[in-house]
């Protein structure tokens, strides 16, 4: 348990359940078929941590992917 208070622990676990449910929704609705059996850590490392370089040259911020 992260805390000694019941209400704080309940909100901690409710946040975890919400995050799990949102990931399952993302998995079923938006991800390609190759990610169907992937765990959340795998998806996070493959999709969210895209290596690149952010640049602003007189226009909005642009992310250039590393090749």
PDB file of N, CA and C in Angstrom:
ATOM      1  N   UNK A   1       0.828  -1.169   0.000  1.00  0.00           N
ATOM      2  CA  UNK A   1       0.000   0.000   0.000  1.00  0.00           C
ATOM      3  C   UNK A   1       0.888   1.255   0.000  1.00  0.00           C
ATOM      4  N   UNK A   2       0.576   2.221  -0.820  1.00  0.00           N
ATOM      5  CA  UNK A   2       1.417   3.414  -0.893  1.00  0.00           C
ATOM      6  C   UNK A   2       1.254   4.359   0.290  1.00  0.00           C
ATOM      7  N   UNK A   3       0.162   4.242   1.022  1.00  0.00           N
ATOM      8  CA  UNK A   3      -0.105   5.208   2.083  1.00  0.00           C
ATOM      9  C   UNK A   3      -0.845   4.506   3.224  1.00  0.00           C
ATOM     10  N   UNK A   4      -0.882   5.126   4.380  1.00  0.00           N
ATOM     11  CA  UNK A   4      -1.575   4.549   5.514  1.00  0.00           C
ATOM     12  C   UNK A   4      -3.042   4.928   5.596  1.00  0.00           C
ATOM     13  N   UNK A   5      -3.504   5.784   4.682  1.00  0.00           N
ATOM     14  CA  UNK A   5      -4.893   6.231   4.709  1.00  0.00           C
ATOM     15  C   UNK A   5      -5.713   5.456   3.681  1.00  0.00           C
ATOM     16  N   UNK A   6      -6.885   5.014   4.109  1.00  0.00           N
ATOM     17  CA  UNK A   6      -7.726   4.194   3.245  1.00  0.00           C
ATOM     18  C   UNK A   6      -8.137   4.945   1.987  1.00  0.00           C
ATOM     19  N   UNK A   7      -8.561   6.188   2.121  1.00  0.00           N
ATOM     20  CA  UNK A   7      -9.030   6.958   0.968  1.00  0.00           C
ATOM     21  C   UNK A   7      -7.911   7.205  -0.041  1.00  0.00           C
ATOM     22  N   UNK A   8      -6.713   7.459   0.449  1.00  0.00           N
ATOM     23  CA  UNK A   8      -5.577   7.672  -0.455  1.00  0.00           C
ATOM     24  C   UNK A   8      -5.246   6.393  -1.211  1.00  0.00           C
ATOM     25  N   UNK A   9      -5.270   5.256  -0.537  1.00  0.00           N
ATOM     26  CA  UNK A   9      -5.016   3.982  -1.206  1.00  0.00           C
ATOM     27  C   UNK A   9      -6.109   3.675  -2.221  1.00  0.00           C
ATOM     28  N   UNK A  10      -7.349   3.976  -1.881  1.00  0.00           N
ATOM     29  CA  UNK A  10      -8.455   3.722  -2.803  1.00  0.00           C
ATOM     30  C   UNK A  10      -8.310   4.553  -4.072  1.00  0.00           C
ATOM     31  N   UNK A  11      -7.941   5.817  -3.944  1.00  0.00           N
ATOM     32  CA  UNK A  11      -7.769   6.653  -5.134  1.00  0.00           C
ATOM     33  C   UNK A  11      -6.556   6.212  -5.951  1.00  0.00           C
ATOM     34  N   UNK A  12      -5.506   5.735  -5.275  1.00  0.00           N
ATOM     35  CA  UNK A  12      -4.326   5.227  -5.980  1.00  0.00           C
ATOM     36  C   UNK A  12      -4.704   4.031  -6.855  1.00  0.00           C
ATOM     37  N   UNK A  13      -5.432   3.084  -6.290  1.00  0.00           N
ATOM     38  CA  UNK A  13      -5.815   1.900  -7.046  1.00  0.00           C
ATOM     39  C   UNK A  13      -6.875   2.214  -8.096  1.00  0.00           C
ATOM     40  N   UNK A  14      -7.762   3.168  -7.833  1.00  0.00           N
ATOM     41  CA  UNK A  14      -8.751   3.568  -8.830  1.00  0.00           C
ATOM     42  C   UNK A  14      -8.068   4.206 -10.042  1.00  0.00           C
ATOM     43  N   UNK A  15      -7.017   4.971  -9.807  1.00  0.00           N
ATOM     44  CA  UNK A  15      -6.251   5.558 -10.908  1.00  0.00           C
ATOM     45  C   UNK A  15      -5.587   4.463 -11.736  1.00  0.00           C
ATOM     46  N   UNK A  16      -5.070   3.437 -11.079  1.00  0.00           N
ATOM     47  CA  UNK A  16      -4.465   2.313 -11.791  1.00  0.00           C
ATOM     48  C   UNK A  16      -5.471   1.556 -12.639  1.00  0.00           C
ATOM     49  N   UNK A  17      -6.667   1.346 -12.111  1.00  0.00           N
ATOM     50  CA  UNK A  17      -7.721   0.663 -12.866  1.00  0.00           C
ATOM     51  C   UNK A  17      -8.135   1.501 -14.064  1.00  0.00           C
ATOM     52  N   UNK A  18      -8.256   2.804 -13.891  1.00  0.00           N
ATOM     53  CA  UNK A  18      -8.602   3.700 -14.997  1.00  0.00           C
ATOM     54  C   UNK A  18      -7.527   3.653 -16.085  1.00  0.00           C
ATOM     55  N   UNK A  19      -6.265   3.676 -15.696  1.00  0.00           N
ATOM     56  CA  UNK A  19      -5.175   3.611 -16.670  1.00  0.00           C
ATOM     57  C   UNK A  19      -5.205   2.286 -17.431  1.00  0.00           C
ATOM     58  N   UNK A  20      -5.478   1.198 -16.741  1.00  0.00           N
ATOM     59  CA  UNK A  20      -5.558  -0.112 -17.389  1.00  0.00           C
ATOM     60  C   UNK A  20      -6.709  -0.152 -18.386  1.00  0.00           C
ATOM     61  N   UNK A  21      -7.857   0.359 -17.996  1.00  0.00           N
ATOM     62  CA  UNK A  21      -9.014   0.364 -18.891  1.00  0.00           C
ATOM     63  C   UNK A  21      -8.791   1.253 -20.107  1.00  0.00           C
ATOM     64  N   UNK A  22      -8.148   2.396 -19.920  1.00  0.00           N
ATOM     65  CA  UNK A  22      -7.849   3.264 -21.062  1.00  0.00           C
ATOM     66  C   UNK A  22      -6.863   2.607 -22.016  1.00  0.00           C
ATOM     67  N   UNK A  23      -5.894   1.870 -21.479  1.00  0.00           N
ATOM     68  CA  UNK A  23      -4.949   1.169 -22.351  1.00  0.00           C
ATOM     69  C   UNK A  23      -5.657   0.085 -23.146  1.00  0.00           C
ATOM     70  N   UNK A  24      -6.558  -0.650 -22.508  1.00  0.00           N
ATOM     71  CA  UNK A  24      -7.294  -1.702 -23.223  1.00  0.00           C
ATOM     72  C   UNK A  24      -8.163  -1.106 -24.327  1.00  0.00           C
ATOM     73  N   UNK A  25      -8.760   0.058 -24.076  1.00  0.00           N
ATOM     74  CA  UNK A  25      -9.544   0.735 -25.101  1.00  0.00           C
ATOM     75  C   UNK A  25      -8.651   1.158 -26.264  1.00  0.00           C
ATOM     76  N   UNK A  26      -7.495   1.728 -25.961  1.00  0.00           N
ATOM     77  CA  UNK A  26      -6.534   2.097 -27.002  1.00  0.00           C
ATOM     78  C   UNK A  26      -6.104   0.871 -27.789  1.00  0.00           C
ATOM     79  N   UNK A  27      -5.868  -0.216 -27.101  1.00  0.00           N
ATOM     80  CA  UNK A  27      -5.418  -1.454 -27.727  1.00  0.00           C
ATOM     81  C   UNK A  27      -6.459  -1.974 -28.714  1.00  0.00           C
ATOM     82  N   UNK A  28      -7.703  -1.947 -28.331  1.00  0.00           N
ATOM     83  CA  UNK A  28      -8.752  -2.522 -29.178  1.00  0.00           C
ATOM     84  C   UNK A  28      -9.200  -1.609 -30.293  1.00  0.00           C
ATOM     85  N   UNK A  29      -9.086  -0.307 -30.108  1.00  0.00           N
ATOM     86  CA  UNK A  29      -9.631   0.629 -31.090  1.00  0.00           C
ATOM     87  C   UNK A  29      -8.602   1.253 -32.017  1.00  0.00           C
ATOM     88  N   UNK A  30      -7.375   1.477 -31.546  1.00  0.00           N
ATOM     89  CA  UNK A  30      -6.466   2.311 -32.325  1.00  0.00           C
ATOM     90  C   UNK A  30      -5.172   1.628 -32.756  1.00  0.00           C
ATOM     91  N   UNK A  31      -4.725   0.617 -32.040  1.00  0.00           N
ATOM     92  CA  UNK A  31      -3.425   0.025 -32.359  1.00  0.00           C
ATOM     93  C   UNK A  31      -3.530  -0.995 -33.486  1.00  0.00           C
ATOM     94  N   UNK A  32      -2.473  -1.127 -34.285  1.00  0.00           N
ATOM     95  CA  UNK A  32      -2.476  -2.134 -35.346  1.00  0.00           C
ATOM     96  C   UNK A  32      -2.469  -3.547 -34.756  1.00  0.00           C
ATOM     97  N   UNK A  33      -2.755  -4.516 -35.588  1.00  0.00           N
ATOM     98  CA  UNK A  33      -2.886  -5.907 -35.146  1.00  0.00           C
ATOM     99  C   UNK A  33      -1.655  -6.486 -34.485  1.00  0.00           C
ATOM    100  N   UNK A  34      -0.483  -6.005 -34.824  1.00  0.00           N
ATOM    101  CA  UNK A  34       0.744  -6.523 -34.234  1.00  0.00           C
ATOM    102  C   UNK A  34       0.895  -6.209 -32.756  1.00  0.00           C
ATOM    103  N   UNK A  35       0.111  -5.290 -32.259  1.00  0.00           N
ATOM    104  CA  UNK A  35       0.192  -4.900 -30.858  1.00  0.00           C
ATOM    105  C   UNK A  35      -0.903  -5.539 -30.005  1.00  0.00           C
ATOM    106  N   UNK A  36      -1.695  -6.429 -30.548  1.00  0.00           N
ATOM    107  CA  UNK A  36      -2.836  -6.992 -29.821  1.00  0.00           C
ATOM    108  C   UNK A  36      -2.429  -7.703 -28.539  1.00  0.00           C
ATOM    109  N   UNK A  37      -1.308  -8.387 -28.552  1.00  0.00           N
ATOM    110  CA  UNK A  37      -0.893  -9.134 -27.366  1.00  0.00           C
ATOM    111  C   UNK A  37       0.233  -8.434 -26.594  1.00  0.00           C
ATOM    112  N   UNK A  38       0.556  -7.222 -26.994  1.00  0.00           N
ATOM    113  CA  UNK A  38       1.645  -6.488 -26.353  1.00  0.00           C
ATOM    114  C   UNK A  38       1.203  -5.934 -25.005  1.00  0.00           C
ATOM    115  N   UNK A  39       2.123  -5.890 -24.091  1.00  0.00           N
ATOM    116  CA  UNK A  39       1.841  -5.304 -22.784  1.00  0.00           C
ATOM    117  C   UNK A  39       2.005  -3.793 -22.857  1.00  0.00           C
ATOM    118  N   UNK A  40       1.521  -3.125 -21.827  1.00  0.00           N
ATOM    119  CA  UNK A  40       1.545  -1.662 -21.843  1.00  0.00           C
ATOM    120  C   UNK A  40       2.969  -1.118 -21.888  1.00  0.00           C
ATOM    121  N   UNK A  41       3.915  -1.765 -21.220  1.00  0.00           N
ATOM    122  CA  UNK A  41       5.303  -1.312 -21.258  1.00  0.00           C
ATOM    123  C   UNK A  41       5.892  -1.386 -22.651  1.00  0.00           C
ATOM    124  N   UNK A  42       5.564  -2.446 -23.384  1.00  0.00           N
ATOM    125  CA  UNK A  42       6.051  -2.596 -24.753  1.00  0.00           C
ATOM    126  C   UNK A  42       5.496  -1.498 -25.643  1.00  0.00           C
ATOM    127  N   UNK A  43       4.214  -1.247 -25.530  1.00  0.00           N
ATOM    128  CA  UNK A  43       3.593  -0.194 -26.334  1.00  0.00           C
ATOM    129  C   UNK A  43       4.193   1.161 -25.985  1.00  0.00           C
ATOM    130  N   UNK A  44       4.407   1.407 -24.709  1.00  0.00           N
ATOM    131  CA  UNK A  44       4.981   2.684 -24.286  1.00  0.00           C
ATOM    132  C   UNK A  44       6.371   2.874 -24.878  1.00  0.00           C
ATOM    133  N   UNK A  45       7.190   1.836 -24.845  1.00  0.00           N
ATOM    134  CA  UNK A  45       8.551   1.974 -25.363  1.00  0.00           C
ATOM    135  C   UNK A  45       8.589   2.078 -26.881  1.00  0.00           C
ATOM    136  N   UNK A  46       7.681   1.413 -27.571  1.00  0.00           N
ATOM    137  CA  UNK A  46       7.704   1.447 -29.034  1.00  0.00           C
ATOM    138  C   UNK A  46       7.018   2.669 -29.629  1.00  0.00           C
ATOM    139  N   UNK A  47       5.978   3.163 -28.973  1.00  0.00           N
ATOM    140  CA  UNK A  47       5.213   4.258 -29.568  1.00  0.00           C
ATOM    141  C   UNK A  47       5.453   5.606 -28.912  1.00  0.00           C
ATOM    142  N   UNK A  48       5.508   5.645 -27.614  1.00  0.00           N
ATOM    143  CA  UNK A  48       5.596   6.920 -26.922  1.00  0.00           C
ATOM    144  C   UNK A  48       7.010   7.469 -26.896  1.00  0.00           C
ATOM    145  N   UNK A  49       7.978   6.609 -26.840  1.00  0.00           N
ATOM    146  CA  UNK A  49       9.375   7.056 -26.775  1.00  0.00           C
ATOM    147  C   UNK A  49       9.994   7.044 -28.163  1.00  0.00           C
ATOM    148  N   UNK A  50       9.522   7.918 -29.005  1.00  0.00           N
ATOM    149  CA  UNK A  50      10.044   8.028 -30.359  1.00  0.00           C
ATOM    150  C   UNK A  50      11.245   8.957 -30.316  1.00  0.00           C
ATOM    151  N   UNK A  51      12.378   8.433 -30.736  1.00  0.00           N
ATOM    152  CA  UNK A  51      13.587   9.256 -30.746  1.00  0.00           C
ATOM    153  C   UNK A  51      13.475  10.285 -31.865  1.00  0.00           C
ATOM    154  N   UNK A  52      13.878  11.475 -31.561  1.00  0.00           N
ATOM    155  CA  UNK A  52      13.811  12.514 -32.579  1.00  0.00           C
ATOM    156  C   UNK A  52      14.419  13.811 -32.083  1.00  0.00           C
ATOM    157  N   UNK A  53      14.299  14.825 -32.916  1.00  0.00           N
ATOM    158  CA  UNK A  53      14.850  16.128 -32.595  1.00  0.00           C
ATOM    159  C   UNK A  53      13.749  17.161 -32.823  1.00  0.00           C
ATOM    160  N   UNK A  54      13.510  17.952 -31.810  1.00  0.00           N
ATOM    161  CA  UNK A  54      12.510  19.008 -31.926  1.00  0.00           C
ATOM    162  C   UNK A  54      13.188  20.277 -32.432  1.00  0.00           C
ATOM    163  N   UNK A  55      12.557  20.925 -33.401  1.00  0.00           N
ATOM    164  CA  UNK A  55      13.134  22.137 -33.977  1.00  0.00           C
ATOM    165  C   UNK A  55      12.045  23.170 -34.195  1.00  0.00           C
ATOM    166  N   UNK A  56      12.406  24.415 -33.997  1.00  0.00           N
ATOM    167  CA  UNK A  56      11.491  25.527 -34.260  1.00  0.00           C
ATOM    168  C   UNK A  56      12.258  26.515 -35.128  1.00  0.00           C
ATOM    169  N   UNK A  57      11.822  26.652 -36.364  1.00  0.00           N
ATOM    170  CA  UNK A  57      12.500  27.553 -37.293  1.00  0.00           C
ATOM    171  C   UNK A  57      11.490  28.502 -37.923  1.00  0.00           C
ATOM    172  N   UNK A  58      10.896  29.353 -37.101  1.00  0.00           N
ATOM    173  CA  UNK A  58       9.949  30.322 -37.625  1.00  0.00           C
ATOM    174  C   UNK A  58       8.559  29.765 -37.854  1.00  0.00           C
ATOM    175  N   UNK A  59       8.350  28.531 -37.528  1.00  0.00           N
ATOM    176  CA  UNK A  59       7.016  27.928 -37.640  1.00  0.00           C
ATOM    177  C   UNK A  59       6.779  27.091 -36.390  1.00  0.00           C
ATOM    178  N   UNK A  60       5.664  26.411 -36.294  1.00  0.00           N
ATOM    179  CA  UNK A  60       5.401  25.621 -35.076  1.00  0.00           C
ATOM    180  C   UNK A  60       6.466  24.567 -34.810  1.00  0.00           C
ATOM    181  N   UNK A  61       6.524  24.121 -33.599  1.00  0.00           N
ATOM    182  CA  UNK A  61       7.490  23.097 -33.191  1.00  0.00           C
ATOM    183  C   UNK A  61       7.274  21.825 -33.986  1.00  0.00           C
ATOM    184  N   UNK A  62       8.355  21.280 -34.561  1.00  0.00           N
ATOM    185  CA  UNK A  62       8.284  20.089 -35.406  1.00  0.00           C
ATOM    186  C   UNK A  62       9.200  19.033 -34.808  1.00  0.00           C
ATOM    187  N   UNK A  63       8.738  17.771 -34.807  1.00  0.00           N
ATOM    188  CA  UNK A  63       9.553  16.641 -34.344  1.00  0.00           C
ATOM    189  C   UNK A  63      10.076  15.891 -35.536  1.00  0.00           C
ATOM    190  N   UNK A  64      11.393  15.868 -35.679  1.00  0.00           N
ATOM    191  CA  UNK A  64      12.027  15.104 -36.746  1.00  0.00           C
ATOM    192  C   UNK A  64      12.456  13.775 -36.169  1.00  0.00           C
ATOM    193  N   UNK A  65      11.973  12.677 -36.754  1.00  0.00           N
ATOM    194  CA  UNK A  65      12.327  11.351 -36.280  1.00  0.00           C
ATOM    195  C   UNK A  65      13.758  11.023 -36.640  1.00  0.00           C
ATOM    196  N   UNK A  66      14.432  10.359 -35.698  1.00  0.00           N
ATOM    197  CA  UNK A  66      15.798   9.902 -35.965  1.00  0.00           C
ATOM    198  C   UNK A  66      15.727   8.682 -36.874  1.00  0.00           C
ATOM    199  N   UNK A  67      16.621   8.587 -37.800  1.00  0.00           N
ATOM    200  CA  UNK A  67      16.586   7.436 -38.721  1.00  0.00           C
ATOM    201  C   UNK A  67      17.545   6.361 -38.307  1.00  0.00           C
TER     202      UNK A  67
END
